[in-house]
Amino acid sequence: MEIGSEFWLDDPSAEQKMEAQWIRKFGNTVLTTSGRGAISLLLQEVNPRFKSVLLPAYICDSLILPFRKNGYQCSFYDINKDLSPITETIRENREVGIFLHMGYFGFSTNNNLMEVIREFKRNSAIIIEDVTQTLFSDFKRYEENDYYVASVRKWMGLPSGGLLASPVWEIKGTLPEDKSFASIRKEALLLKAEYIHKKDELLKKQYLNLFSHGERILSEEPYPYRIDSLSNNIMNGTDVNKLVEIRKNNYQILKKGLNGIEFIEPVFQNVPGNTCPMFYPVYLNNNRDQIREKLSSRKIYCPIHWSRPKQISVNSFKNIGNVYNRILSIPCDQRYDWRDMDRVISVLGELENDRSLIKGSE
């Protein structure tokens, strides 16, 4: 069985259920097709003092896109090796209309921002927390947050799924439905489920093309649409406690099993009890792309979060280039158990014996 890459969908039916408690905890909530759509909806809701946004320099291009399309000036702040914000680089910025912060990979890496956020609030800035990667972690959020945004489909097999929420503001308007994106994604998810069971490589080509088509639709049209009914029902019917438990267990298996492999440096040494990991992120000392290819050849697909957006120059920041160039995300999600994690550990252990691969060029 392959490990990583897109989720799949075994059962295309899901009964209507009550809205889940984990959704309600973020406040007044609207569910959209994507995280990108949630940000686009947010930008329809707000009228900041300055049409500018300050974003972390470690970020996905899809987060920047809605701001640029809406005419915002985008500035960035640097991130430490442990993925915590460098507050000095935040304070260098003036006339900030929107300040966006996030925790990475399930961890509260943004827990050093209290004073910074209070300074922005005094200057009437709007505070947004992107909770995509900490969606199921249970640590305390900043009371000063005005809005939360998230891409929910990164966590489970959903045709669509984004979230905009606010603990203080009502979110106005009724979103139209765009069935094309969810329909394409649903077909891709079902084809992947068929591939997982049949191992037919023709199916793999088909579902990969469909997933790519869906991403192109998002890139071309970030307008906010509402979540499709199937995704809504799956989301509300998900056993979140089980999801969290499996991810934590898999993370700990990887942590123990990869300890001592010299070319791997875990981003986080310890996992607090209130943290639900999204991946097991590591830094690779050398030859990340080649190591990733070796893993792919063994059907272990480790994404890179993320390719560096063209708006971010590594020369402008002290640390961020090192993060983009070395980080790799090892899957530990609820699709897998200890046997899958042992396979990952075994393959990485084998790669340690390839000295030319792990030592890099002299």
Protein backbone atom coordinates (compact mmCIF):
# COMPACT_ATOMS: atom_id res chain seq x y z
CA MET A 1 0.00 0.00 0.00
CA GLU A 2 1.25 3.47 -0.84
CA ILE A 3 1.77 5.97 1.96
CA GLY A 4 1.01 9.67 1.56
CA SER A 5 -0.33 11.82 -1.28
CA GLU A 6 -4.03 12.64 -1.63
CA PHE A 7 -6.72 11.04 0.52
CA TRP A 8 -9.34 8.79 -1.02
CA LEU A 9 -13.07 8.22 -0.55
CA ASP A 10 -14.37 4.65 -0.16
CA ASP A 11 -18.02 5.46 0.48
CA PRO A 12 -19.61 8.30 -1.53
CA SER A 13 -22.67 8.40 0.74
CA ALA A 14 -22.85 10.18 4.07
CA GLU A 15 -25.86 10.88 6.25
CA GLN A 16 -26.73 14.41 7.34
CA LYS A 17 -25.49 15.00 10.89
CA MET A 18 -25.43 17.83 13.40
CA GLU A 19 -22.60 20.33 13.04
CA ALA A 20 -19.55 18.97 14.85
CA GLN A 21 -18.33 20.51 18.10
CA TRP A 22 -14.82 21.01 16.74
CA ILE A 23 -16.28 23.35 14.11
CA ARG A 24 -18.27 25.36 16.63
CA LYS A 25 -15.26 26.06 18.83
CA PHE A 26 -14.01 28.68 16.38
CA GLY A 27 -17.18 30.77 16.67
CA ASN A 28 -19.58 31.91 13.94
CA THR A 29 -18.63 29.69 11.01
CA VAL A 30 -19.17 29.49 7.26
CA LEU A 31 -17.94 26.45 5.35
CA THR A 32 -16.51 27.07 1.90
CA THR A 33 -15.07 24.91 -0.88
CA SER A 34 -11.46 25.72 0.08
CA GLY A 35 -9.19 27.68 2.38
CA ARG A 36 -8.52 30.03 -0.51
CA GLY A 37 -12.25 30.62 -0.82
CA ALA A 38 -12.48 31.27 2.93
CA ILE A 39 -9.89 34.04 2.63
CA SER A 40 -11.68 35.50 -0.39
CA LEU A 41 -14.90 35.58 1.63
CA LEU A 42 -13.06 37.19 4.54
CA LEU A 43 -11.79 39.95 2.27
CA GLN A 44 -15.38 40.68 1.28
CA GLU A 45 -16.28 41.03 4.97
CA VAL A 46 -13.56 43.38 6.20
CA ASN A 47 -12.50 46.95 5.54
CA PRO A 48 -9.08 47.33 7.16
CA ARG A 49 -7.53 50.68 7.95
CA PHE A 50 -4.72 49.97 5.45
CA LYS A 51 -5.04 47.76 2.38
CA SER A 52 -2.00 45.75 3.37
CA VAL A 53 -1.36 42.33 4.88
CA LEU A 54 1.60 41.01 6.86
CA LEU A 55 2.16 37.28 6.34
CA PRO A 56 4.71 34.71 7.54
CA ALA A 57 7.50 34.17 5.02
CA TYR A 58 6.98 30.40 5.36
CA ILE A 59 3.68 30.12 3.53
CA CYS A 60 1.78 28.47 0.70
CA ASP A 61 1.35 30.50 -2.48
CA SER A 62 -2.41 29.82 -2.38
CA LEU A 63 -2.67 31.91 0.79
CA ILE A 64 -1.06 34.90 -0.89
CA LEU A 65 -3.16 34.71 -4.06
CA PRO A 66 -6.51 36.03 -2.72
CA PHE A 67 -4.81 39.04 -1.13
CA ARG A 68 -3.00 39.90 -4.35
CA LYS A 69 -6.14 39.47 -6.44
CA ASN A 70 -7.93 41.86 -4.10
CA GLY A 71 -5.24 44.52 -4.43
CA TYR A 72 -3.51 44.11 -1.06
CA GLN A 73 0.12 45.01 -0.52
CA CYS A 74 1.76 41.84 0.82
CA SER A 75 4.68 41.99 3.26
CA PHE A 76 6.33 39.11 5.09
CA TYR A 77 8.06 38.33 8.39
CA ASP A 78 10.80 35.80 9.06
CA ILE A 79 10.50 32.42 10.78
CA ASN A 80 12.97 30.62 13.04
CA LYS A 81 14.24 27.10 12.46
CA ASP A 82 11.71 25.88 15.05
CA LEU A 83 9.03 27.61 12.90
CA SER A 84 8.28 30.28 15.50
CA PRO A 85 7.88 33.86 14.21
CA ILE A 86 10.83 36.26 14.60
CA THR A 87 9.02 39.12 16.29
CA GLU A 88 11.70 41.68 15.45
CA THR A 89 10.93 41.24 11.75
CA ILE A 90 7.23 41.72 12.49
CA ARG A 91 7.77 44.99 14.32
CA GLU A 92 9.69 46.40 11.35
CA ASN A 93 6.39 46.76 9.51
CA ARG A 94 4.14 49.80 9.75
CA GLU A 95 0.65 50.56 8.45
CA VAL A 96 -0.49 46.92 8.60
CA GLY A 97 -4.17 46.46 7.85
CA ILE A 98 -4.29 42.68 8.33
CA PHE A 99 -1.90 40.53 10.35
CA LEU A 100 -1.99 36.80 9.62
CA HIS A 101 -0.28 34.19 11.80
CA MET A 102 -0.35 30.41 12.06
CA GLY A 103 0.95 27.38 13.88
CA TYR A 104 2.71 24.73 11.79
CA PHE A 105 2.18 20.96 11.56
CA GLY A 106 -0.22 20.94 14.53
CA PHE A 107 2.10 22.76 16.94
CA SER A 108 1.55 26.14 18.61
CA THR A 109 4.63 27.62 16.98
CA ASN A 110 2.92 31.02 17.02
CA ASN A 111 2.58 31.17 20.81
CA ASN A 112 5.13 34.02 21.16
CA LEU A 113 2.95 36.68 19.54
CA MET A 114 0.88 38.07 22.41
CA GLU A 115 2.60 41.47 22.64
CA VAL A 116 2.87 41.83 18.88
CA ILE A 117 -0.83 41.08 18.39
CA ARG A 118 -1.81 43.54 21.11
CA GLU A 119 0.28 46.24 19.40
CA PHE A 120 -1.49 45.58 16.12
CA LYS A 121 -4.89 45.67 17.81
CA ARG A 122 -4.07 49.07 19.29
CA ASN A 123 -3.45 50.23 15.71
CA SER A 124 -6.81 48.81 14.52
CA ALA A 125 -5.29 45.92 12.53
CA ILE A 126 -7.46 42.88 11.81
CA ILE A 127 -5.97 39.68 13.27
CA ILE A 128 -6.37 36.40 11.37
CA GLU A 129 -5.14 33.00 12.46
CA ASP A 130 -4.80 30.36 9.77
CA VAL A 131 -5.63 27.17 11.65
CA THR A 132 -5.27 24.78 8.71
CA GLN A 133 -2.34 22.95 10.28
CA THR A 134 -3.58 23.17 13.89
CA LEU A 135 -7.25 22.45 13.22
CA PHE A 136 -7.53 19.55 15.65
CA SER A 137 -5.05 20.72 18.26
CA ASP A 138 -6.61 21.83 21.50
CA PHE A 139 -4.39 24.62 22.78
CA LYS A 140 -5.73 28.04 23.73
CA ARG A 141 -6.01 30.58 20.90
CA TYR A 142 -5.48 34.32 21.18
CA GLU A 143 -8.58 36.13 22.40
CA GLU A 144 -7.53 39.00 20.15
CA ASN A 145 -8.07 36.94 16.96
CA ASP A 146 -10.79 38.46 14.80
CA TYR A 147 -11.06 35.59 12.30
CA TYR A 148 -9.96 32.02 11.66
CA VAL A 149 -9.43 30.48 8.22
CA ALA A 150 -8.62 26.88 7.31
CA SER A 151 -8.48 24.33 4.53
CA VAL A 152 -10.23 21.32 6.04
CA ARG A 153 -9.72 19.01 3.05
CA LYS A 154 -6.04 18.69 3.97
CA TRP A 155 -7.09 16.44 6.87
CA MET A 156 -9.52 13.93 5.31
CA GLY A 157 -11.04 12.68 2.07
CA LEU A 158 -13.33 15.58 1.19
CA PRO A 159 -14.35 16.76 -2.29
CA SER A 160 -14.21 20.30 -0.90
CA GLY A 161 -13.76 21.98 2.46
CA GLY A 162 -12.68 25.34 3.81
CA LEU A 163 -13.61 27.31 6.90
CA LEU A 164 -14.06 30.95 7.81
CA ALA A 165 -14.99 31.65 11.41
CA SER A 166 -15.05 34.50 13.87
CA PRO A 167 -15.46 34.50 17.65
CA VAL A 168 -16.67 38.12 17.56
CA TRP A 169 -18.22 38.93 14.17
CA GLU A 170 -21.19 37.62 12.23
CA ILE A 171 -20.26 36.52 8.71
CA LYS A 172 -22.77 37.95 6.27
CA GLY A 173 -24.06 36.77 2.96
CA THR A 174 -25.20 33.52 1.35
CA LEU A 175 -22.60 31.78 -0.76
CA PRO A 176 -23.44 30.32 -4.16
CA GLU A 177 -22.57 26.71 -4.92
CA ASP A 178 -20.02 25.79 -7.59
CA LYS A 179 -20.39 22.08 -8.28
CA SER A 180 -17.52 21.74 -10.76
CA PHE A 181 -14.65 21.74 -8.23
CA ALA A 182 -16.32 19.36 -5.76
CA SER A 183 -17.53 17.10 -8.57
CA ILE A 184 -14.04 16.74 -10.06
CA ARG A 185 -12.50 16.15 -6.64
CA LYS A 186 -15.15 13.56 -5.75
CA GLU A 187 -14.43 11.61 -8.95
CA ALA A 188 -10.69 11.77 -8.19
CA LEU A 189 -11.18 10.59 -4.59
CA LEU A 190 -13.32 7.62 -5.71
CA LEU A 191 -10.85 6.67 -8.43
CA LYS A 192 -8.03 6.74 -5.91
CA ALA A 193 -10.02 4.44 -3.61
CA GLU A 194 -10.46 2.06 -6.54
CA TYR A 195 -6.72 2.25 -7.27
CA ILE A 196 -5.84 1.51 -3.63
CA HIS A 197 -7.88 -1.70 -3.85
CA LYS A 198 -7.01 -2.78 -7.45
CA LYS A 199 -3.48 -1.33 -7.93
CA ASP A 200 -4.33 -0.45 -11.54
CA GLU A 201 -1.77 2.13 -12.71
CA LEU A 202 -4.17 3.49 -15.36
CA LEU A 203 -6.48 4.55 -12.54
CA LYS A 204 -3.58 6.38 -10.90
CA LYS A 205 -2.98 8.49 -14.00
CA GLN A 206 -6.68 9.31 -14.16
CA TYR A 207 -7.07 10.44 -10.57
CA LEU A 208 -3.83 12.44 -10.59
CA ASN A 209 -5.05 14.32 -13.67
CA LEU A 210 -8.37 15.02 -11.97
CA PHE A 211 -6.70 16.32 -8.79
CA SER A 212 -4.53 18.61 -10.94
CA HIS A 213 -7.61 19.84 -12.80
CA GLY A 214 -9.27 20.67 -9.49
CA GLU A 215 -6.25 22.70 -8.35
CA ARG A 216 -6.28 24.64 -11.63
CA ILE A 217 -9.91 25.56 -11.04
CA LEU A 218 -8.98 26.96 -7.63
CA SER A 219 -6.06 28.94 -9.03
CA GLU A 220 -8.19 30.52 -11.72
CA GLU A 221 -11.23 31.23 -9.56
CA PRO A 222 -10.64 31.98 -5.87
CA TYR A 223 -14.18 33.37 -5.49
CA PRO A 224 -15.87 31.98 -2.36
CA TYR A 225 -18.38 29.18 -2.85
CA ARG A 226 -20.12 27.09 -0.23
CA ILE A 227 -19.06 23.58 0.66
CA ASP A 228 -20.84 20.72 -1.12
CA SER A 229 -23.32 18.67 0.90
CA LEU A 230 -21.34 15.41 0.76
CA SER A 231 -18.21 17.06 2.16
CA ASN A 232 -20.26 18.78 4.84
CA ASN A 233 -21.79 15.48 5.93
CA ILE A 234 -18.44 13.63 5.93
CA MET A 235 -16.85 16.40 7.95
CA ASN A 236 -19.60 16.42 10.55
CA GLY A 237 -19.59 12.62 10.77
CA THR A 238 -15.84 12.27 11.28
CA ASP A 239 -14.71 10.74 14.56
CA VAL A 240 -12.28 13.48 15.52
CA ASN A 241 -11.12 11.74 18.70
CA LYS A 242 -10.06 8.71 16.67
CA LEU A 243 -8.36 10.92 14.07
CA VAL A 244 -6.35 12.67 16.77
CA GLU A 245 -5.43 9.45 18.59
CA ILE A 246 -4.15 7.69 15.44
CA ARG A 247 -2.08 10.68 14.34
CA LYS A 248 -0.49 11.03 17.78
CA ASN A 249 0.33 7.33 17.94
CA ASN A 250 1.83 7.29 14.45
CA TYR A 251 3.86 10.41 15.23
CA GLN A 252 5.35 8.80 18.34
CA ILE A 253 6.23 5.64 16.40
CA LEU A 254 8.10 7.73 13.82
CA LYS A 255 9.77 9.80 16.52
CA LYS A 256 11.12 6.72 18.27
CA GLY A 257 12.00 4.79 15.13
CA LEU A 258 13.80 7.64 13.33
CA ASN A 259 15.77 8.72 16.39
CA GLY A 260 19.47 8.35 15.67
CA ILE A 261 19.26 8.35 11.87
CA GLU A 262 22.00 10.88 11.25
CA PHE A 263 20.69 12.62 8.14
CA ILE A 264 17.27 13.32 9.71
CA GLU A 265 16.64 16.15 12.17
CA PRO A 266 13.09 16.35 13.57
CA VAL A 267 11.62 19.85 13.55
CA PHE A 268 9.97 19.24 16.94
CA GLN A 269 11.54 17.23 19.73
CA ASN A 270 8.42 16.78 21.88
CA VAL A 271 4.69 16.57 21.25
CA PRO A 272 2.51 18.35 23.85
CA GLY A 273 -0.65 16.52 24.82
CA ASN A 274 -2.87 19.20 23.31
CA THR A 275 -1.24 18.86 19.87
CA CYS A 276 -2.65 16.88 16.95
CA PRO A 277 0.17 16.51 14.40
CA MET A 278 -0.54 17.07 10.72
CA PHE A 279 2.70 15.38 9.59
CA TYR A 280 6.02 14.34 11.08
CA PRO A 281 8.18 17.21 9.73
CA VAL A 282 11.94 16.77 9.49
CA TYR A 283 14.95 18.62 8.17
CA LEU A 284 17.19 16.65 5.83
CA ASN A 285 20.85 17.60 5.98
CA ASN A 286 21.58 16.94 2.29
CA ASN A 287 20.02 15.82 -0.97
CA ARG A 288 16.40 16.26 0.06
CA ASP A 289 15.04 15.87 -3.47
CA GLN A 290 17.00 12.69 -4.13
CA ILE A 291 15.91 11.20 -0.80
CA ARG A 292 12.34 12.11 -1.60
CA GLU A 293 12.63 10.39 -4.98
CA LYS A 294 13.99 7.25 -3.30
CA LEU A 295 11.01 7.24 -0.96
CA SER A 296 8.60 7.76 -3.87
CA SER A 297 10.11 4.76 -5.66
CA ARG A 298 9.04 2.72 -2.61
CA LYS A 299 5.53 4.26 -2.73
CA ILE A 300 6.14 6.56 0.25
CA TYR A 301 5.07 10.04 -0.82
CA CYS A 302 6.36 12.84 1.39
CA PRO A 303 5.18 16.34 0.44
CA ILE A 304 7.25 19.48 0.72
CA HIS A 305 5.45 22.26 2.59
CA TRP A 306 5.93 24.36 0.55
CA SER A 307 7.64 25.40 -2.66
CA ARG A 308 8.89 28.93 -2.03
CA PRO A 309 6.46 31.52 -3.45
CA LYS A 310 8.09 33.83 -5.98
CA GLN A 311 7.10 36.84 -3.86
CA ILE A 312 9.53 35.75 -1.15
CA SER A 313 13.22 36.41 -1.68
CA VAL A 314 15.49 34.31 0.53
CA ASN A 315 17.97 37.18 0.50
CA SER A 316 15.47 39.31 2.43
CA PHE A 317 15.26 36.88 5.35
CA LYS A 318 17.88 35.29 7.55
CA ASN A 319 16.33 31.86 8.08
CA ILE A 320 13.59 31.14 5.63
CA GLY A 321 15.71 29.81 2.77
CA ASN A 322 17.05 27.04 5.00
CA VAL A 323 13.49 26.01 5.94
CA TYR A 324 12.24 25.89 2.35
CA ASN A 325 15.30 23.98 1.14
CA ARG A 326 15.55 21.33 3.85
CA ILE A 327 12.11 20.56 5.28
CA LEU A 328 10.15 17.40 4.40
CA SER A 329 6.77 16.19 5.69
CA ILE A 330 6.41 12.48 6.55
CA PRO A 331 2.75 11.28 6.59
CA CYS A 332 1.37 10.04 9.91
CA ASP A 333 -2.36 10.45 9.33
CA GLN A 334 -5.37 8.33 10.21
CA ARG A 335 -5.17 6.15 7.08
CA TYR A 336 -2.16 4.32 8.50
CA ASP A 337 -1.15 2.17 11.44
CA TRP A 338 2.08 1.02 13.11
CA ARG A 339 2.95 -1.33 10.23
CA ASP A 340 2.94 1.56 7.76
CA MET A 341 5.06 3.67 10.09
CA ASP A 342 7.50 0.78 10.50
CA ARG A 343 7.81 0.58 6.71
CA VAL A 344 8.70 4.29 6.56
CA ILE A 345 11.29 3.80 9.30
CA SER A 346 12.74 0.73 7.57
CA VAL A 347 13.14 2.49 4.20
CA LEU A 348 14.76 5.57 5.75
CA GLY A 349 17.05 3.28 7.73
CA GLU A 350 18.13 1.61 4.48
CA LEU A 351 18.87 5.00 2.92
CA GLU A 352 21.24 5.78 5.79
CA ASN A 353 23.58 3.15 4.34
CA ASP A 354 23.87 5.08 1.07
CA ARG A 355 26.76 7.35 2.07
CA SER A 356 26.84 9.29 -1.21
CA LEU A 357 23.15 10.11 -0.77
CA ILE A 358 23.18 11.30 2.84
CA LYS A 359 26.56 13.03 2.88
CA GLY A 360 25.84 15.17 -0.17
CA SER A 361 28.41 16.75 -2.42
CA GLU A 362 31.66 17.77 -0.82
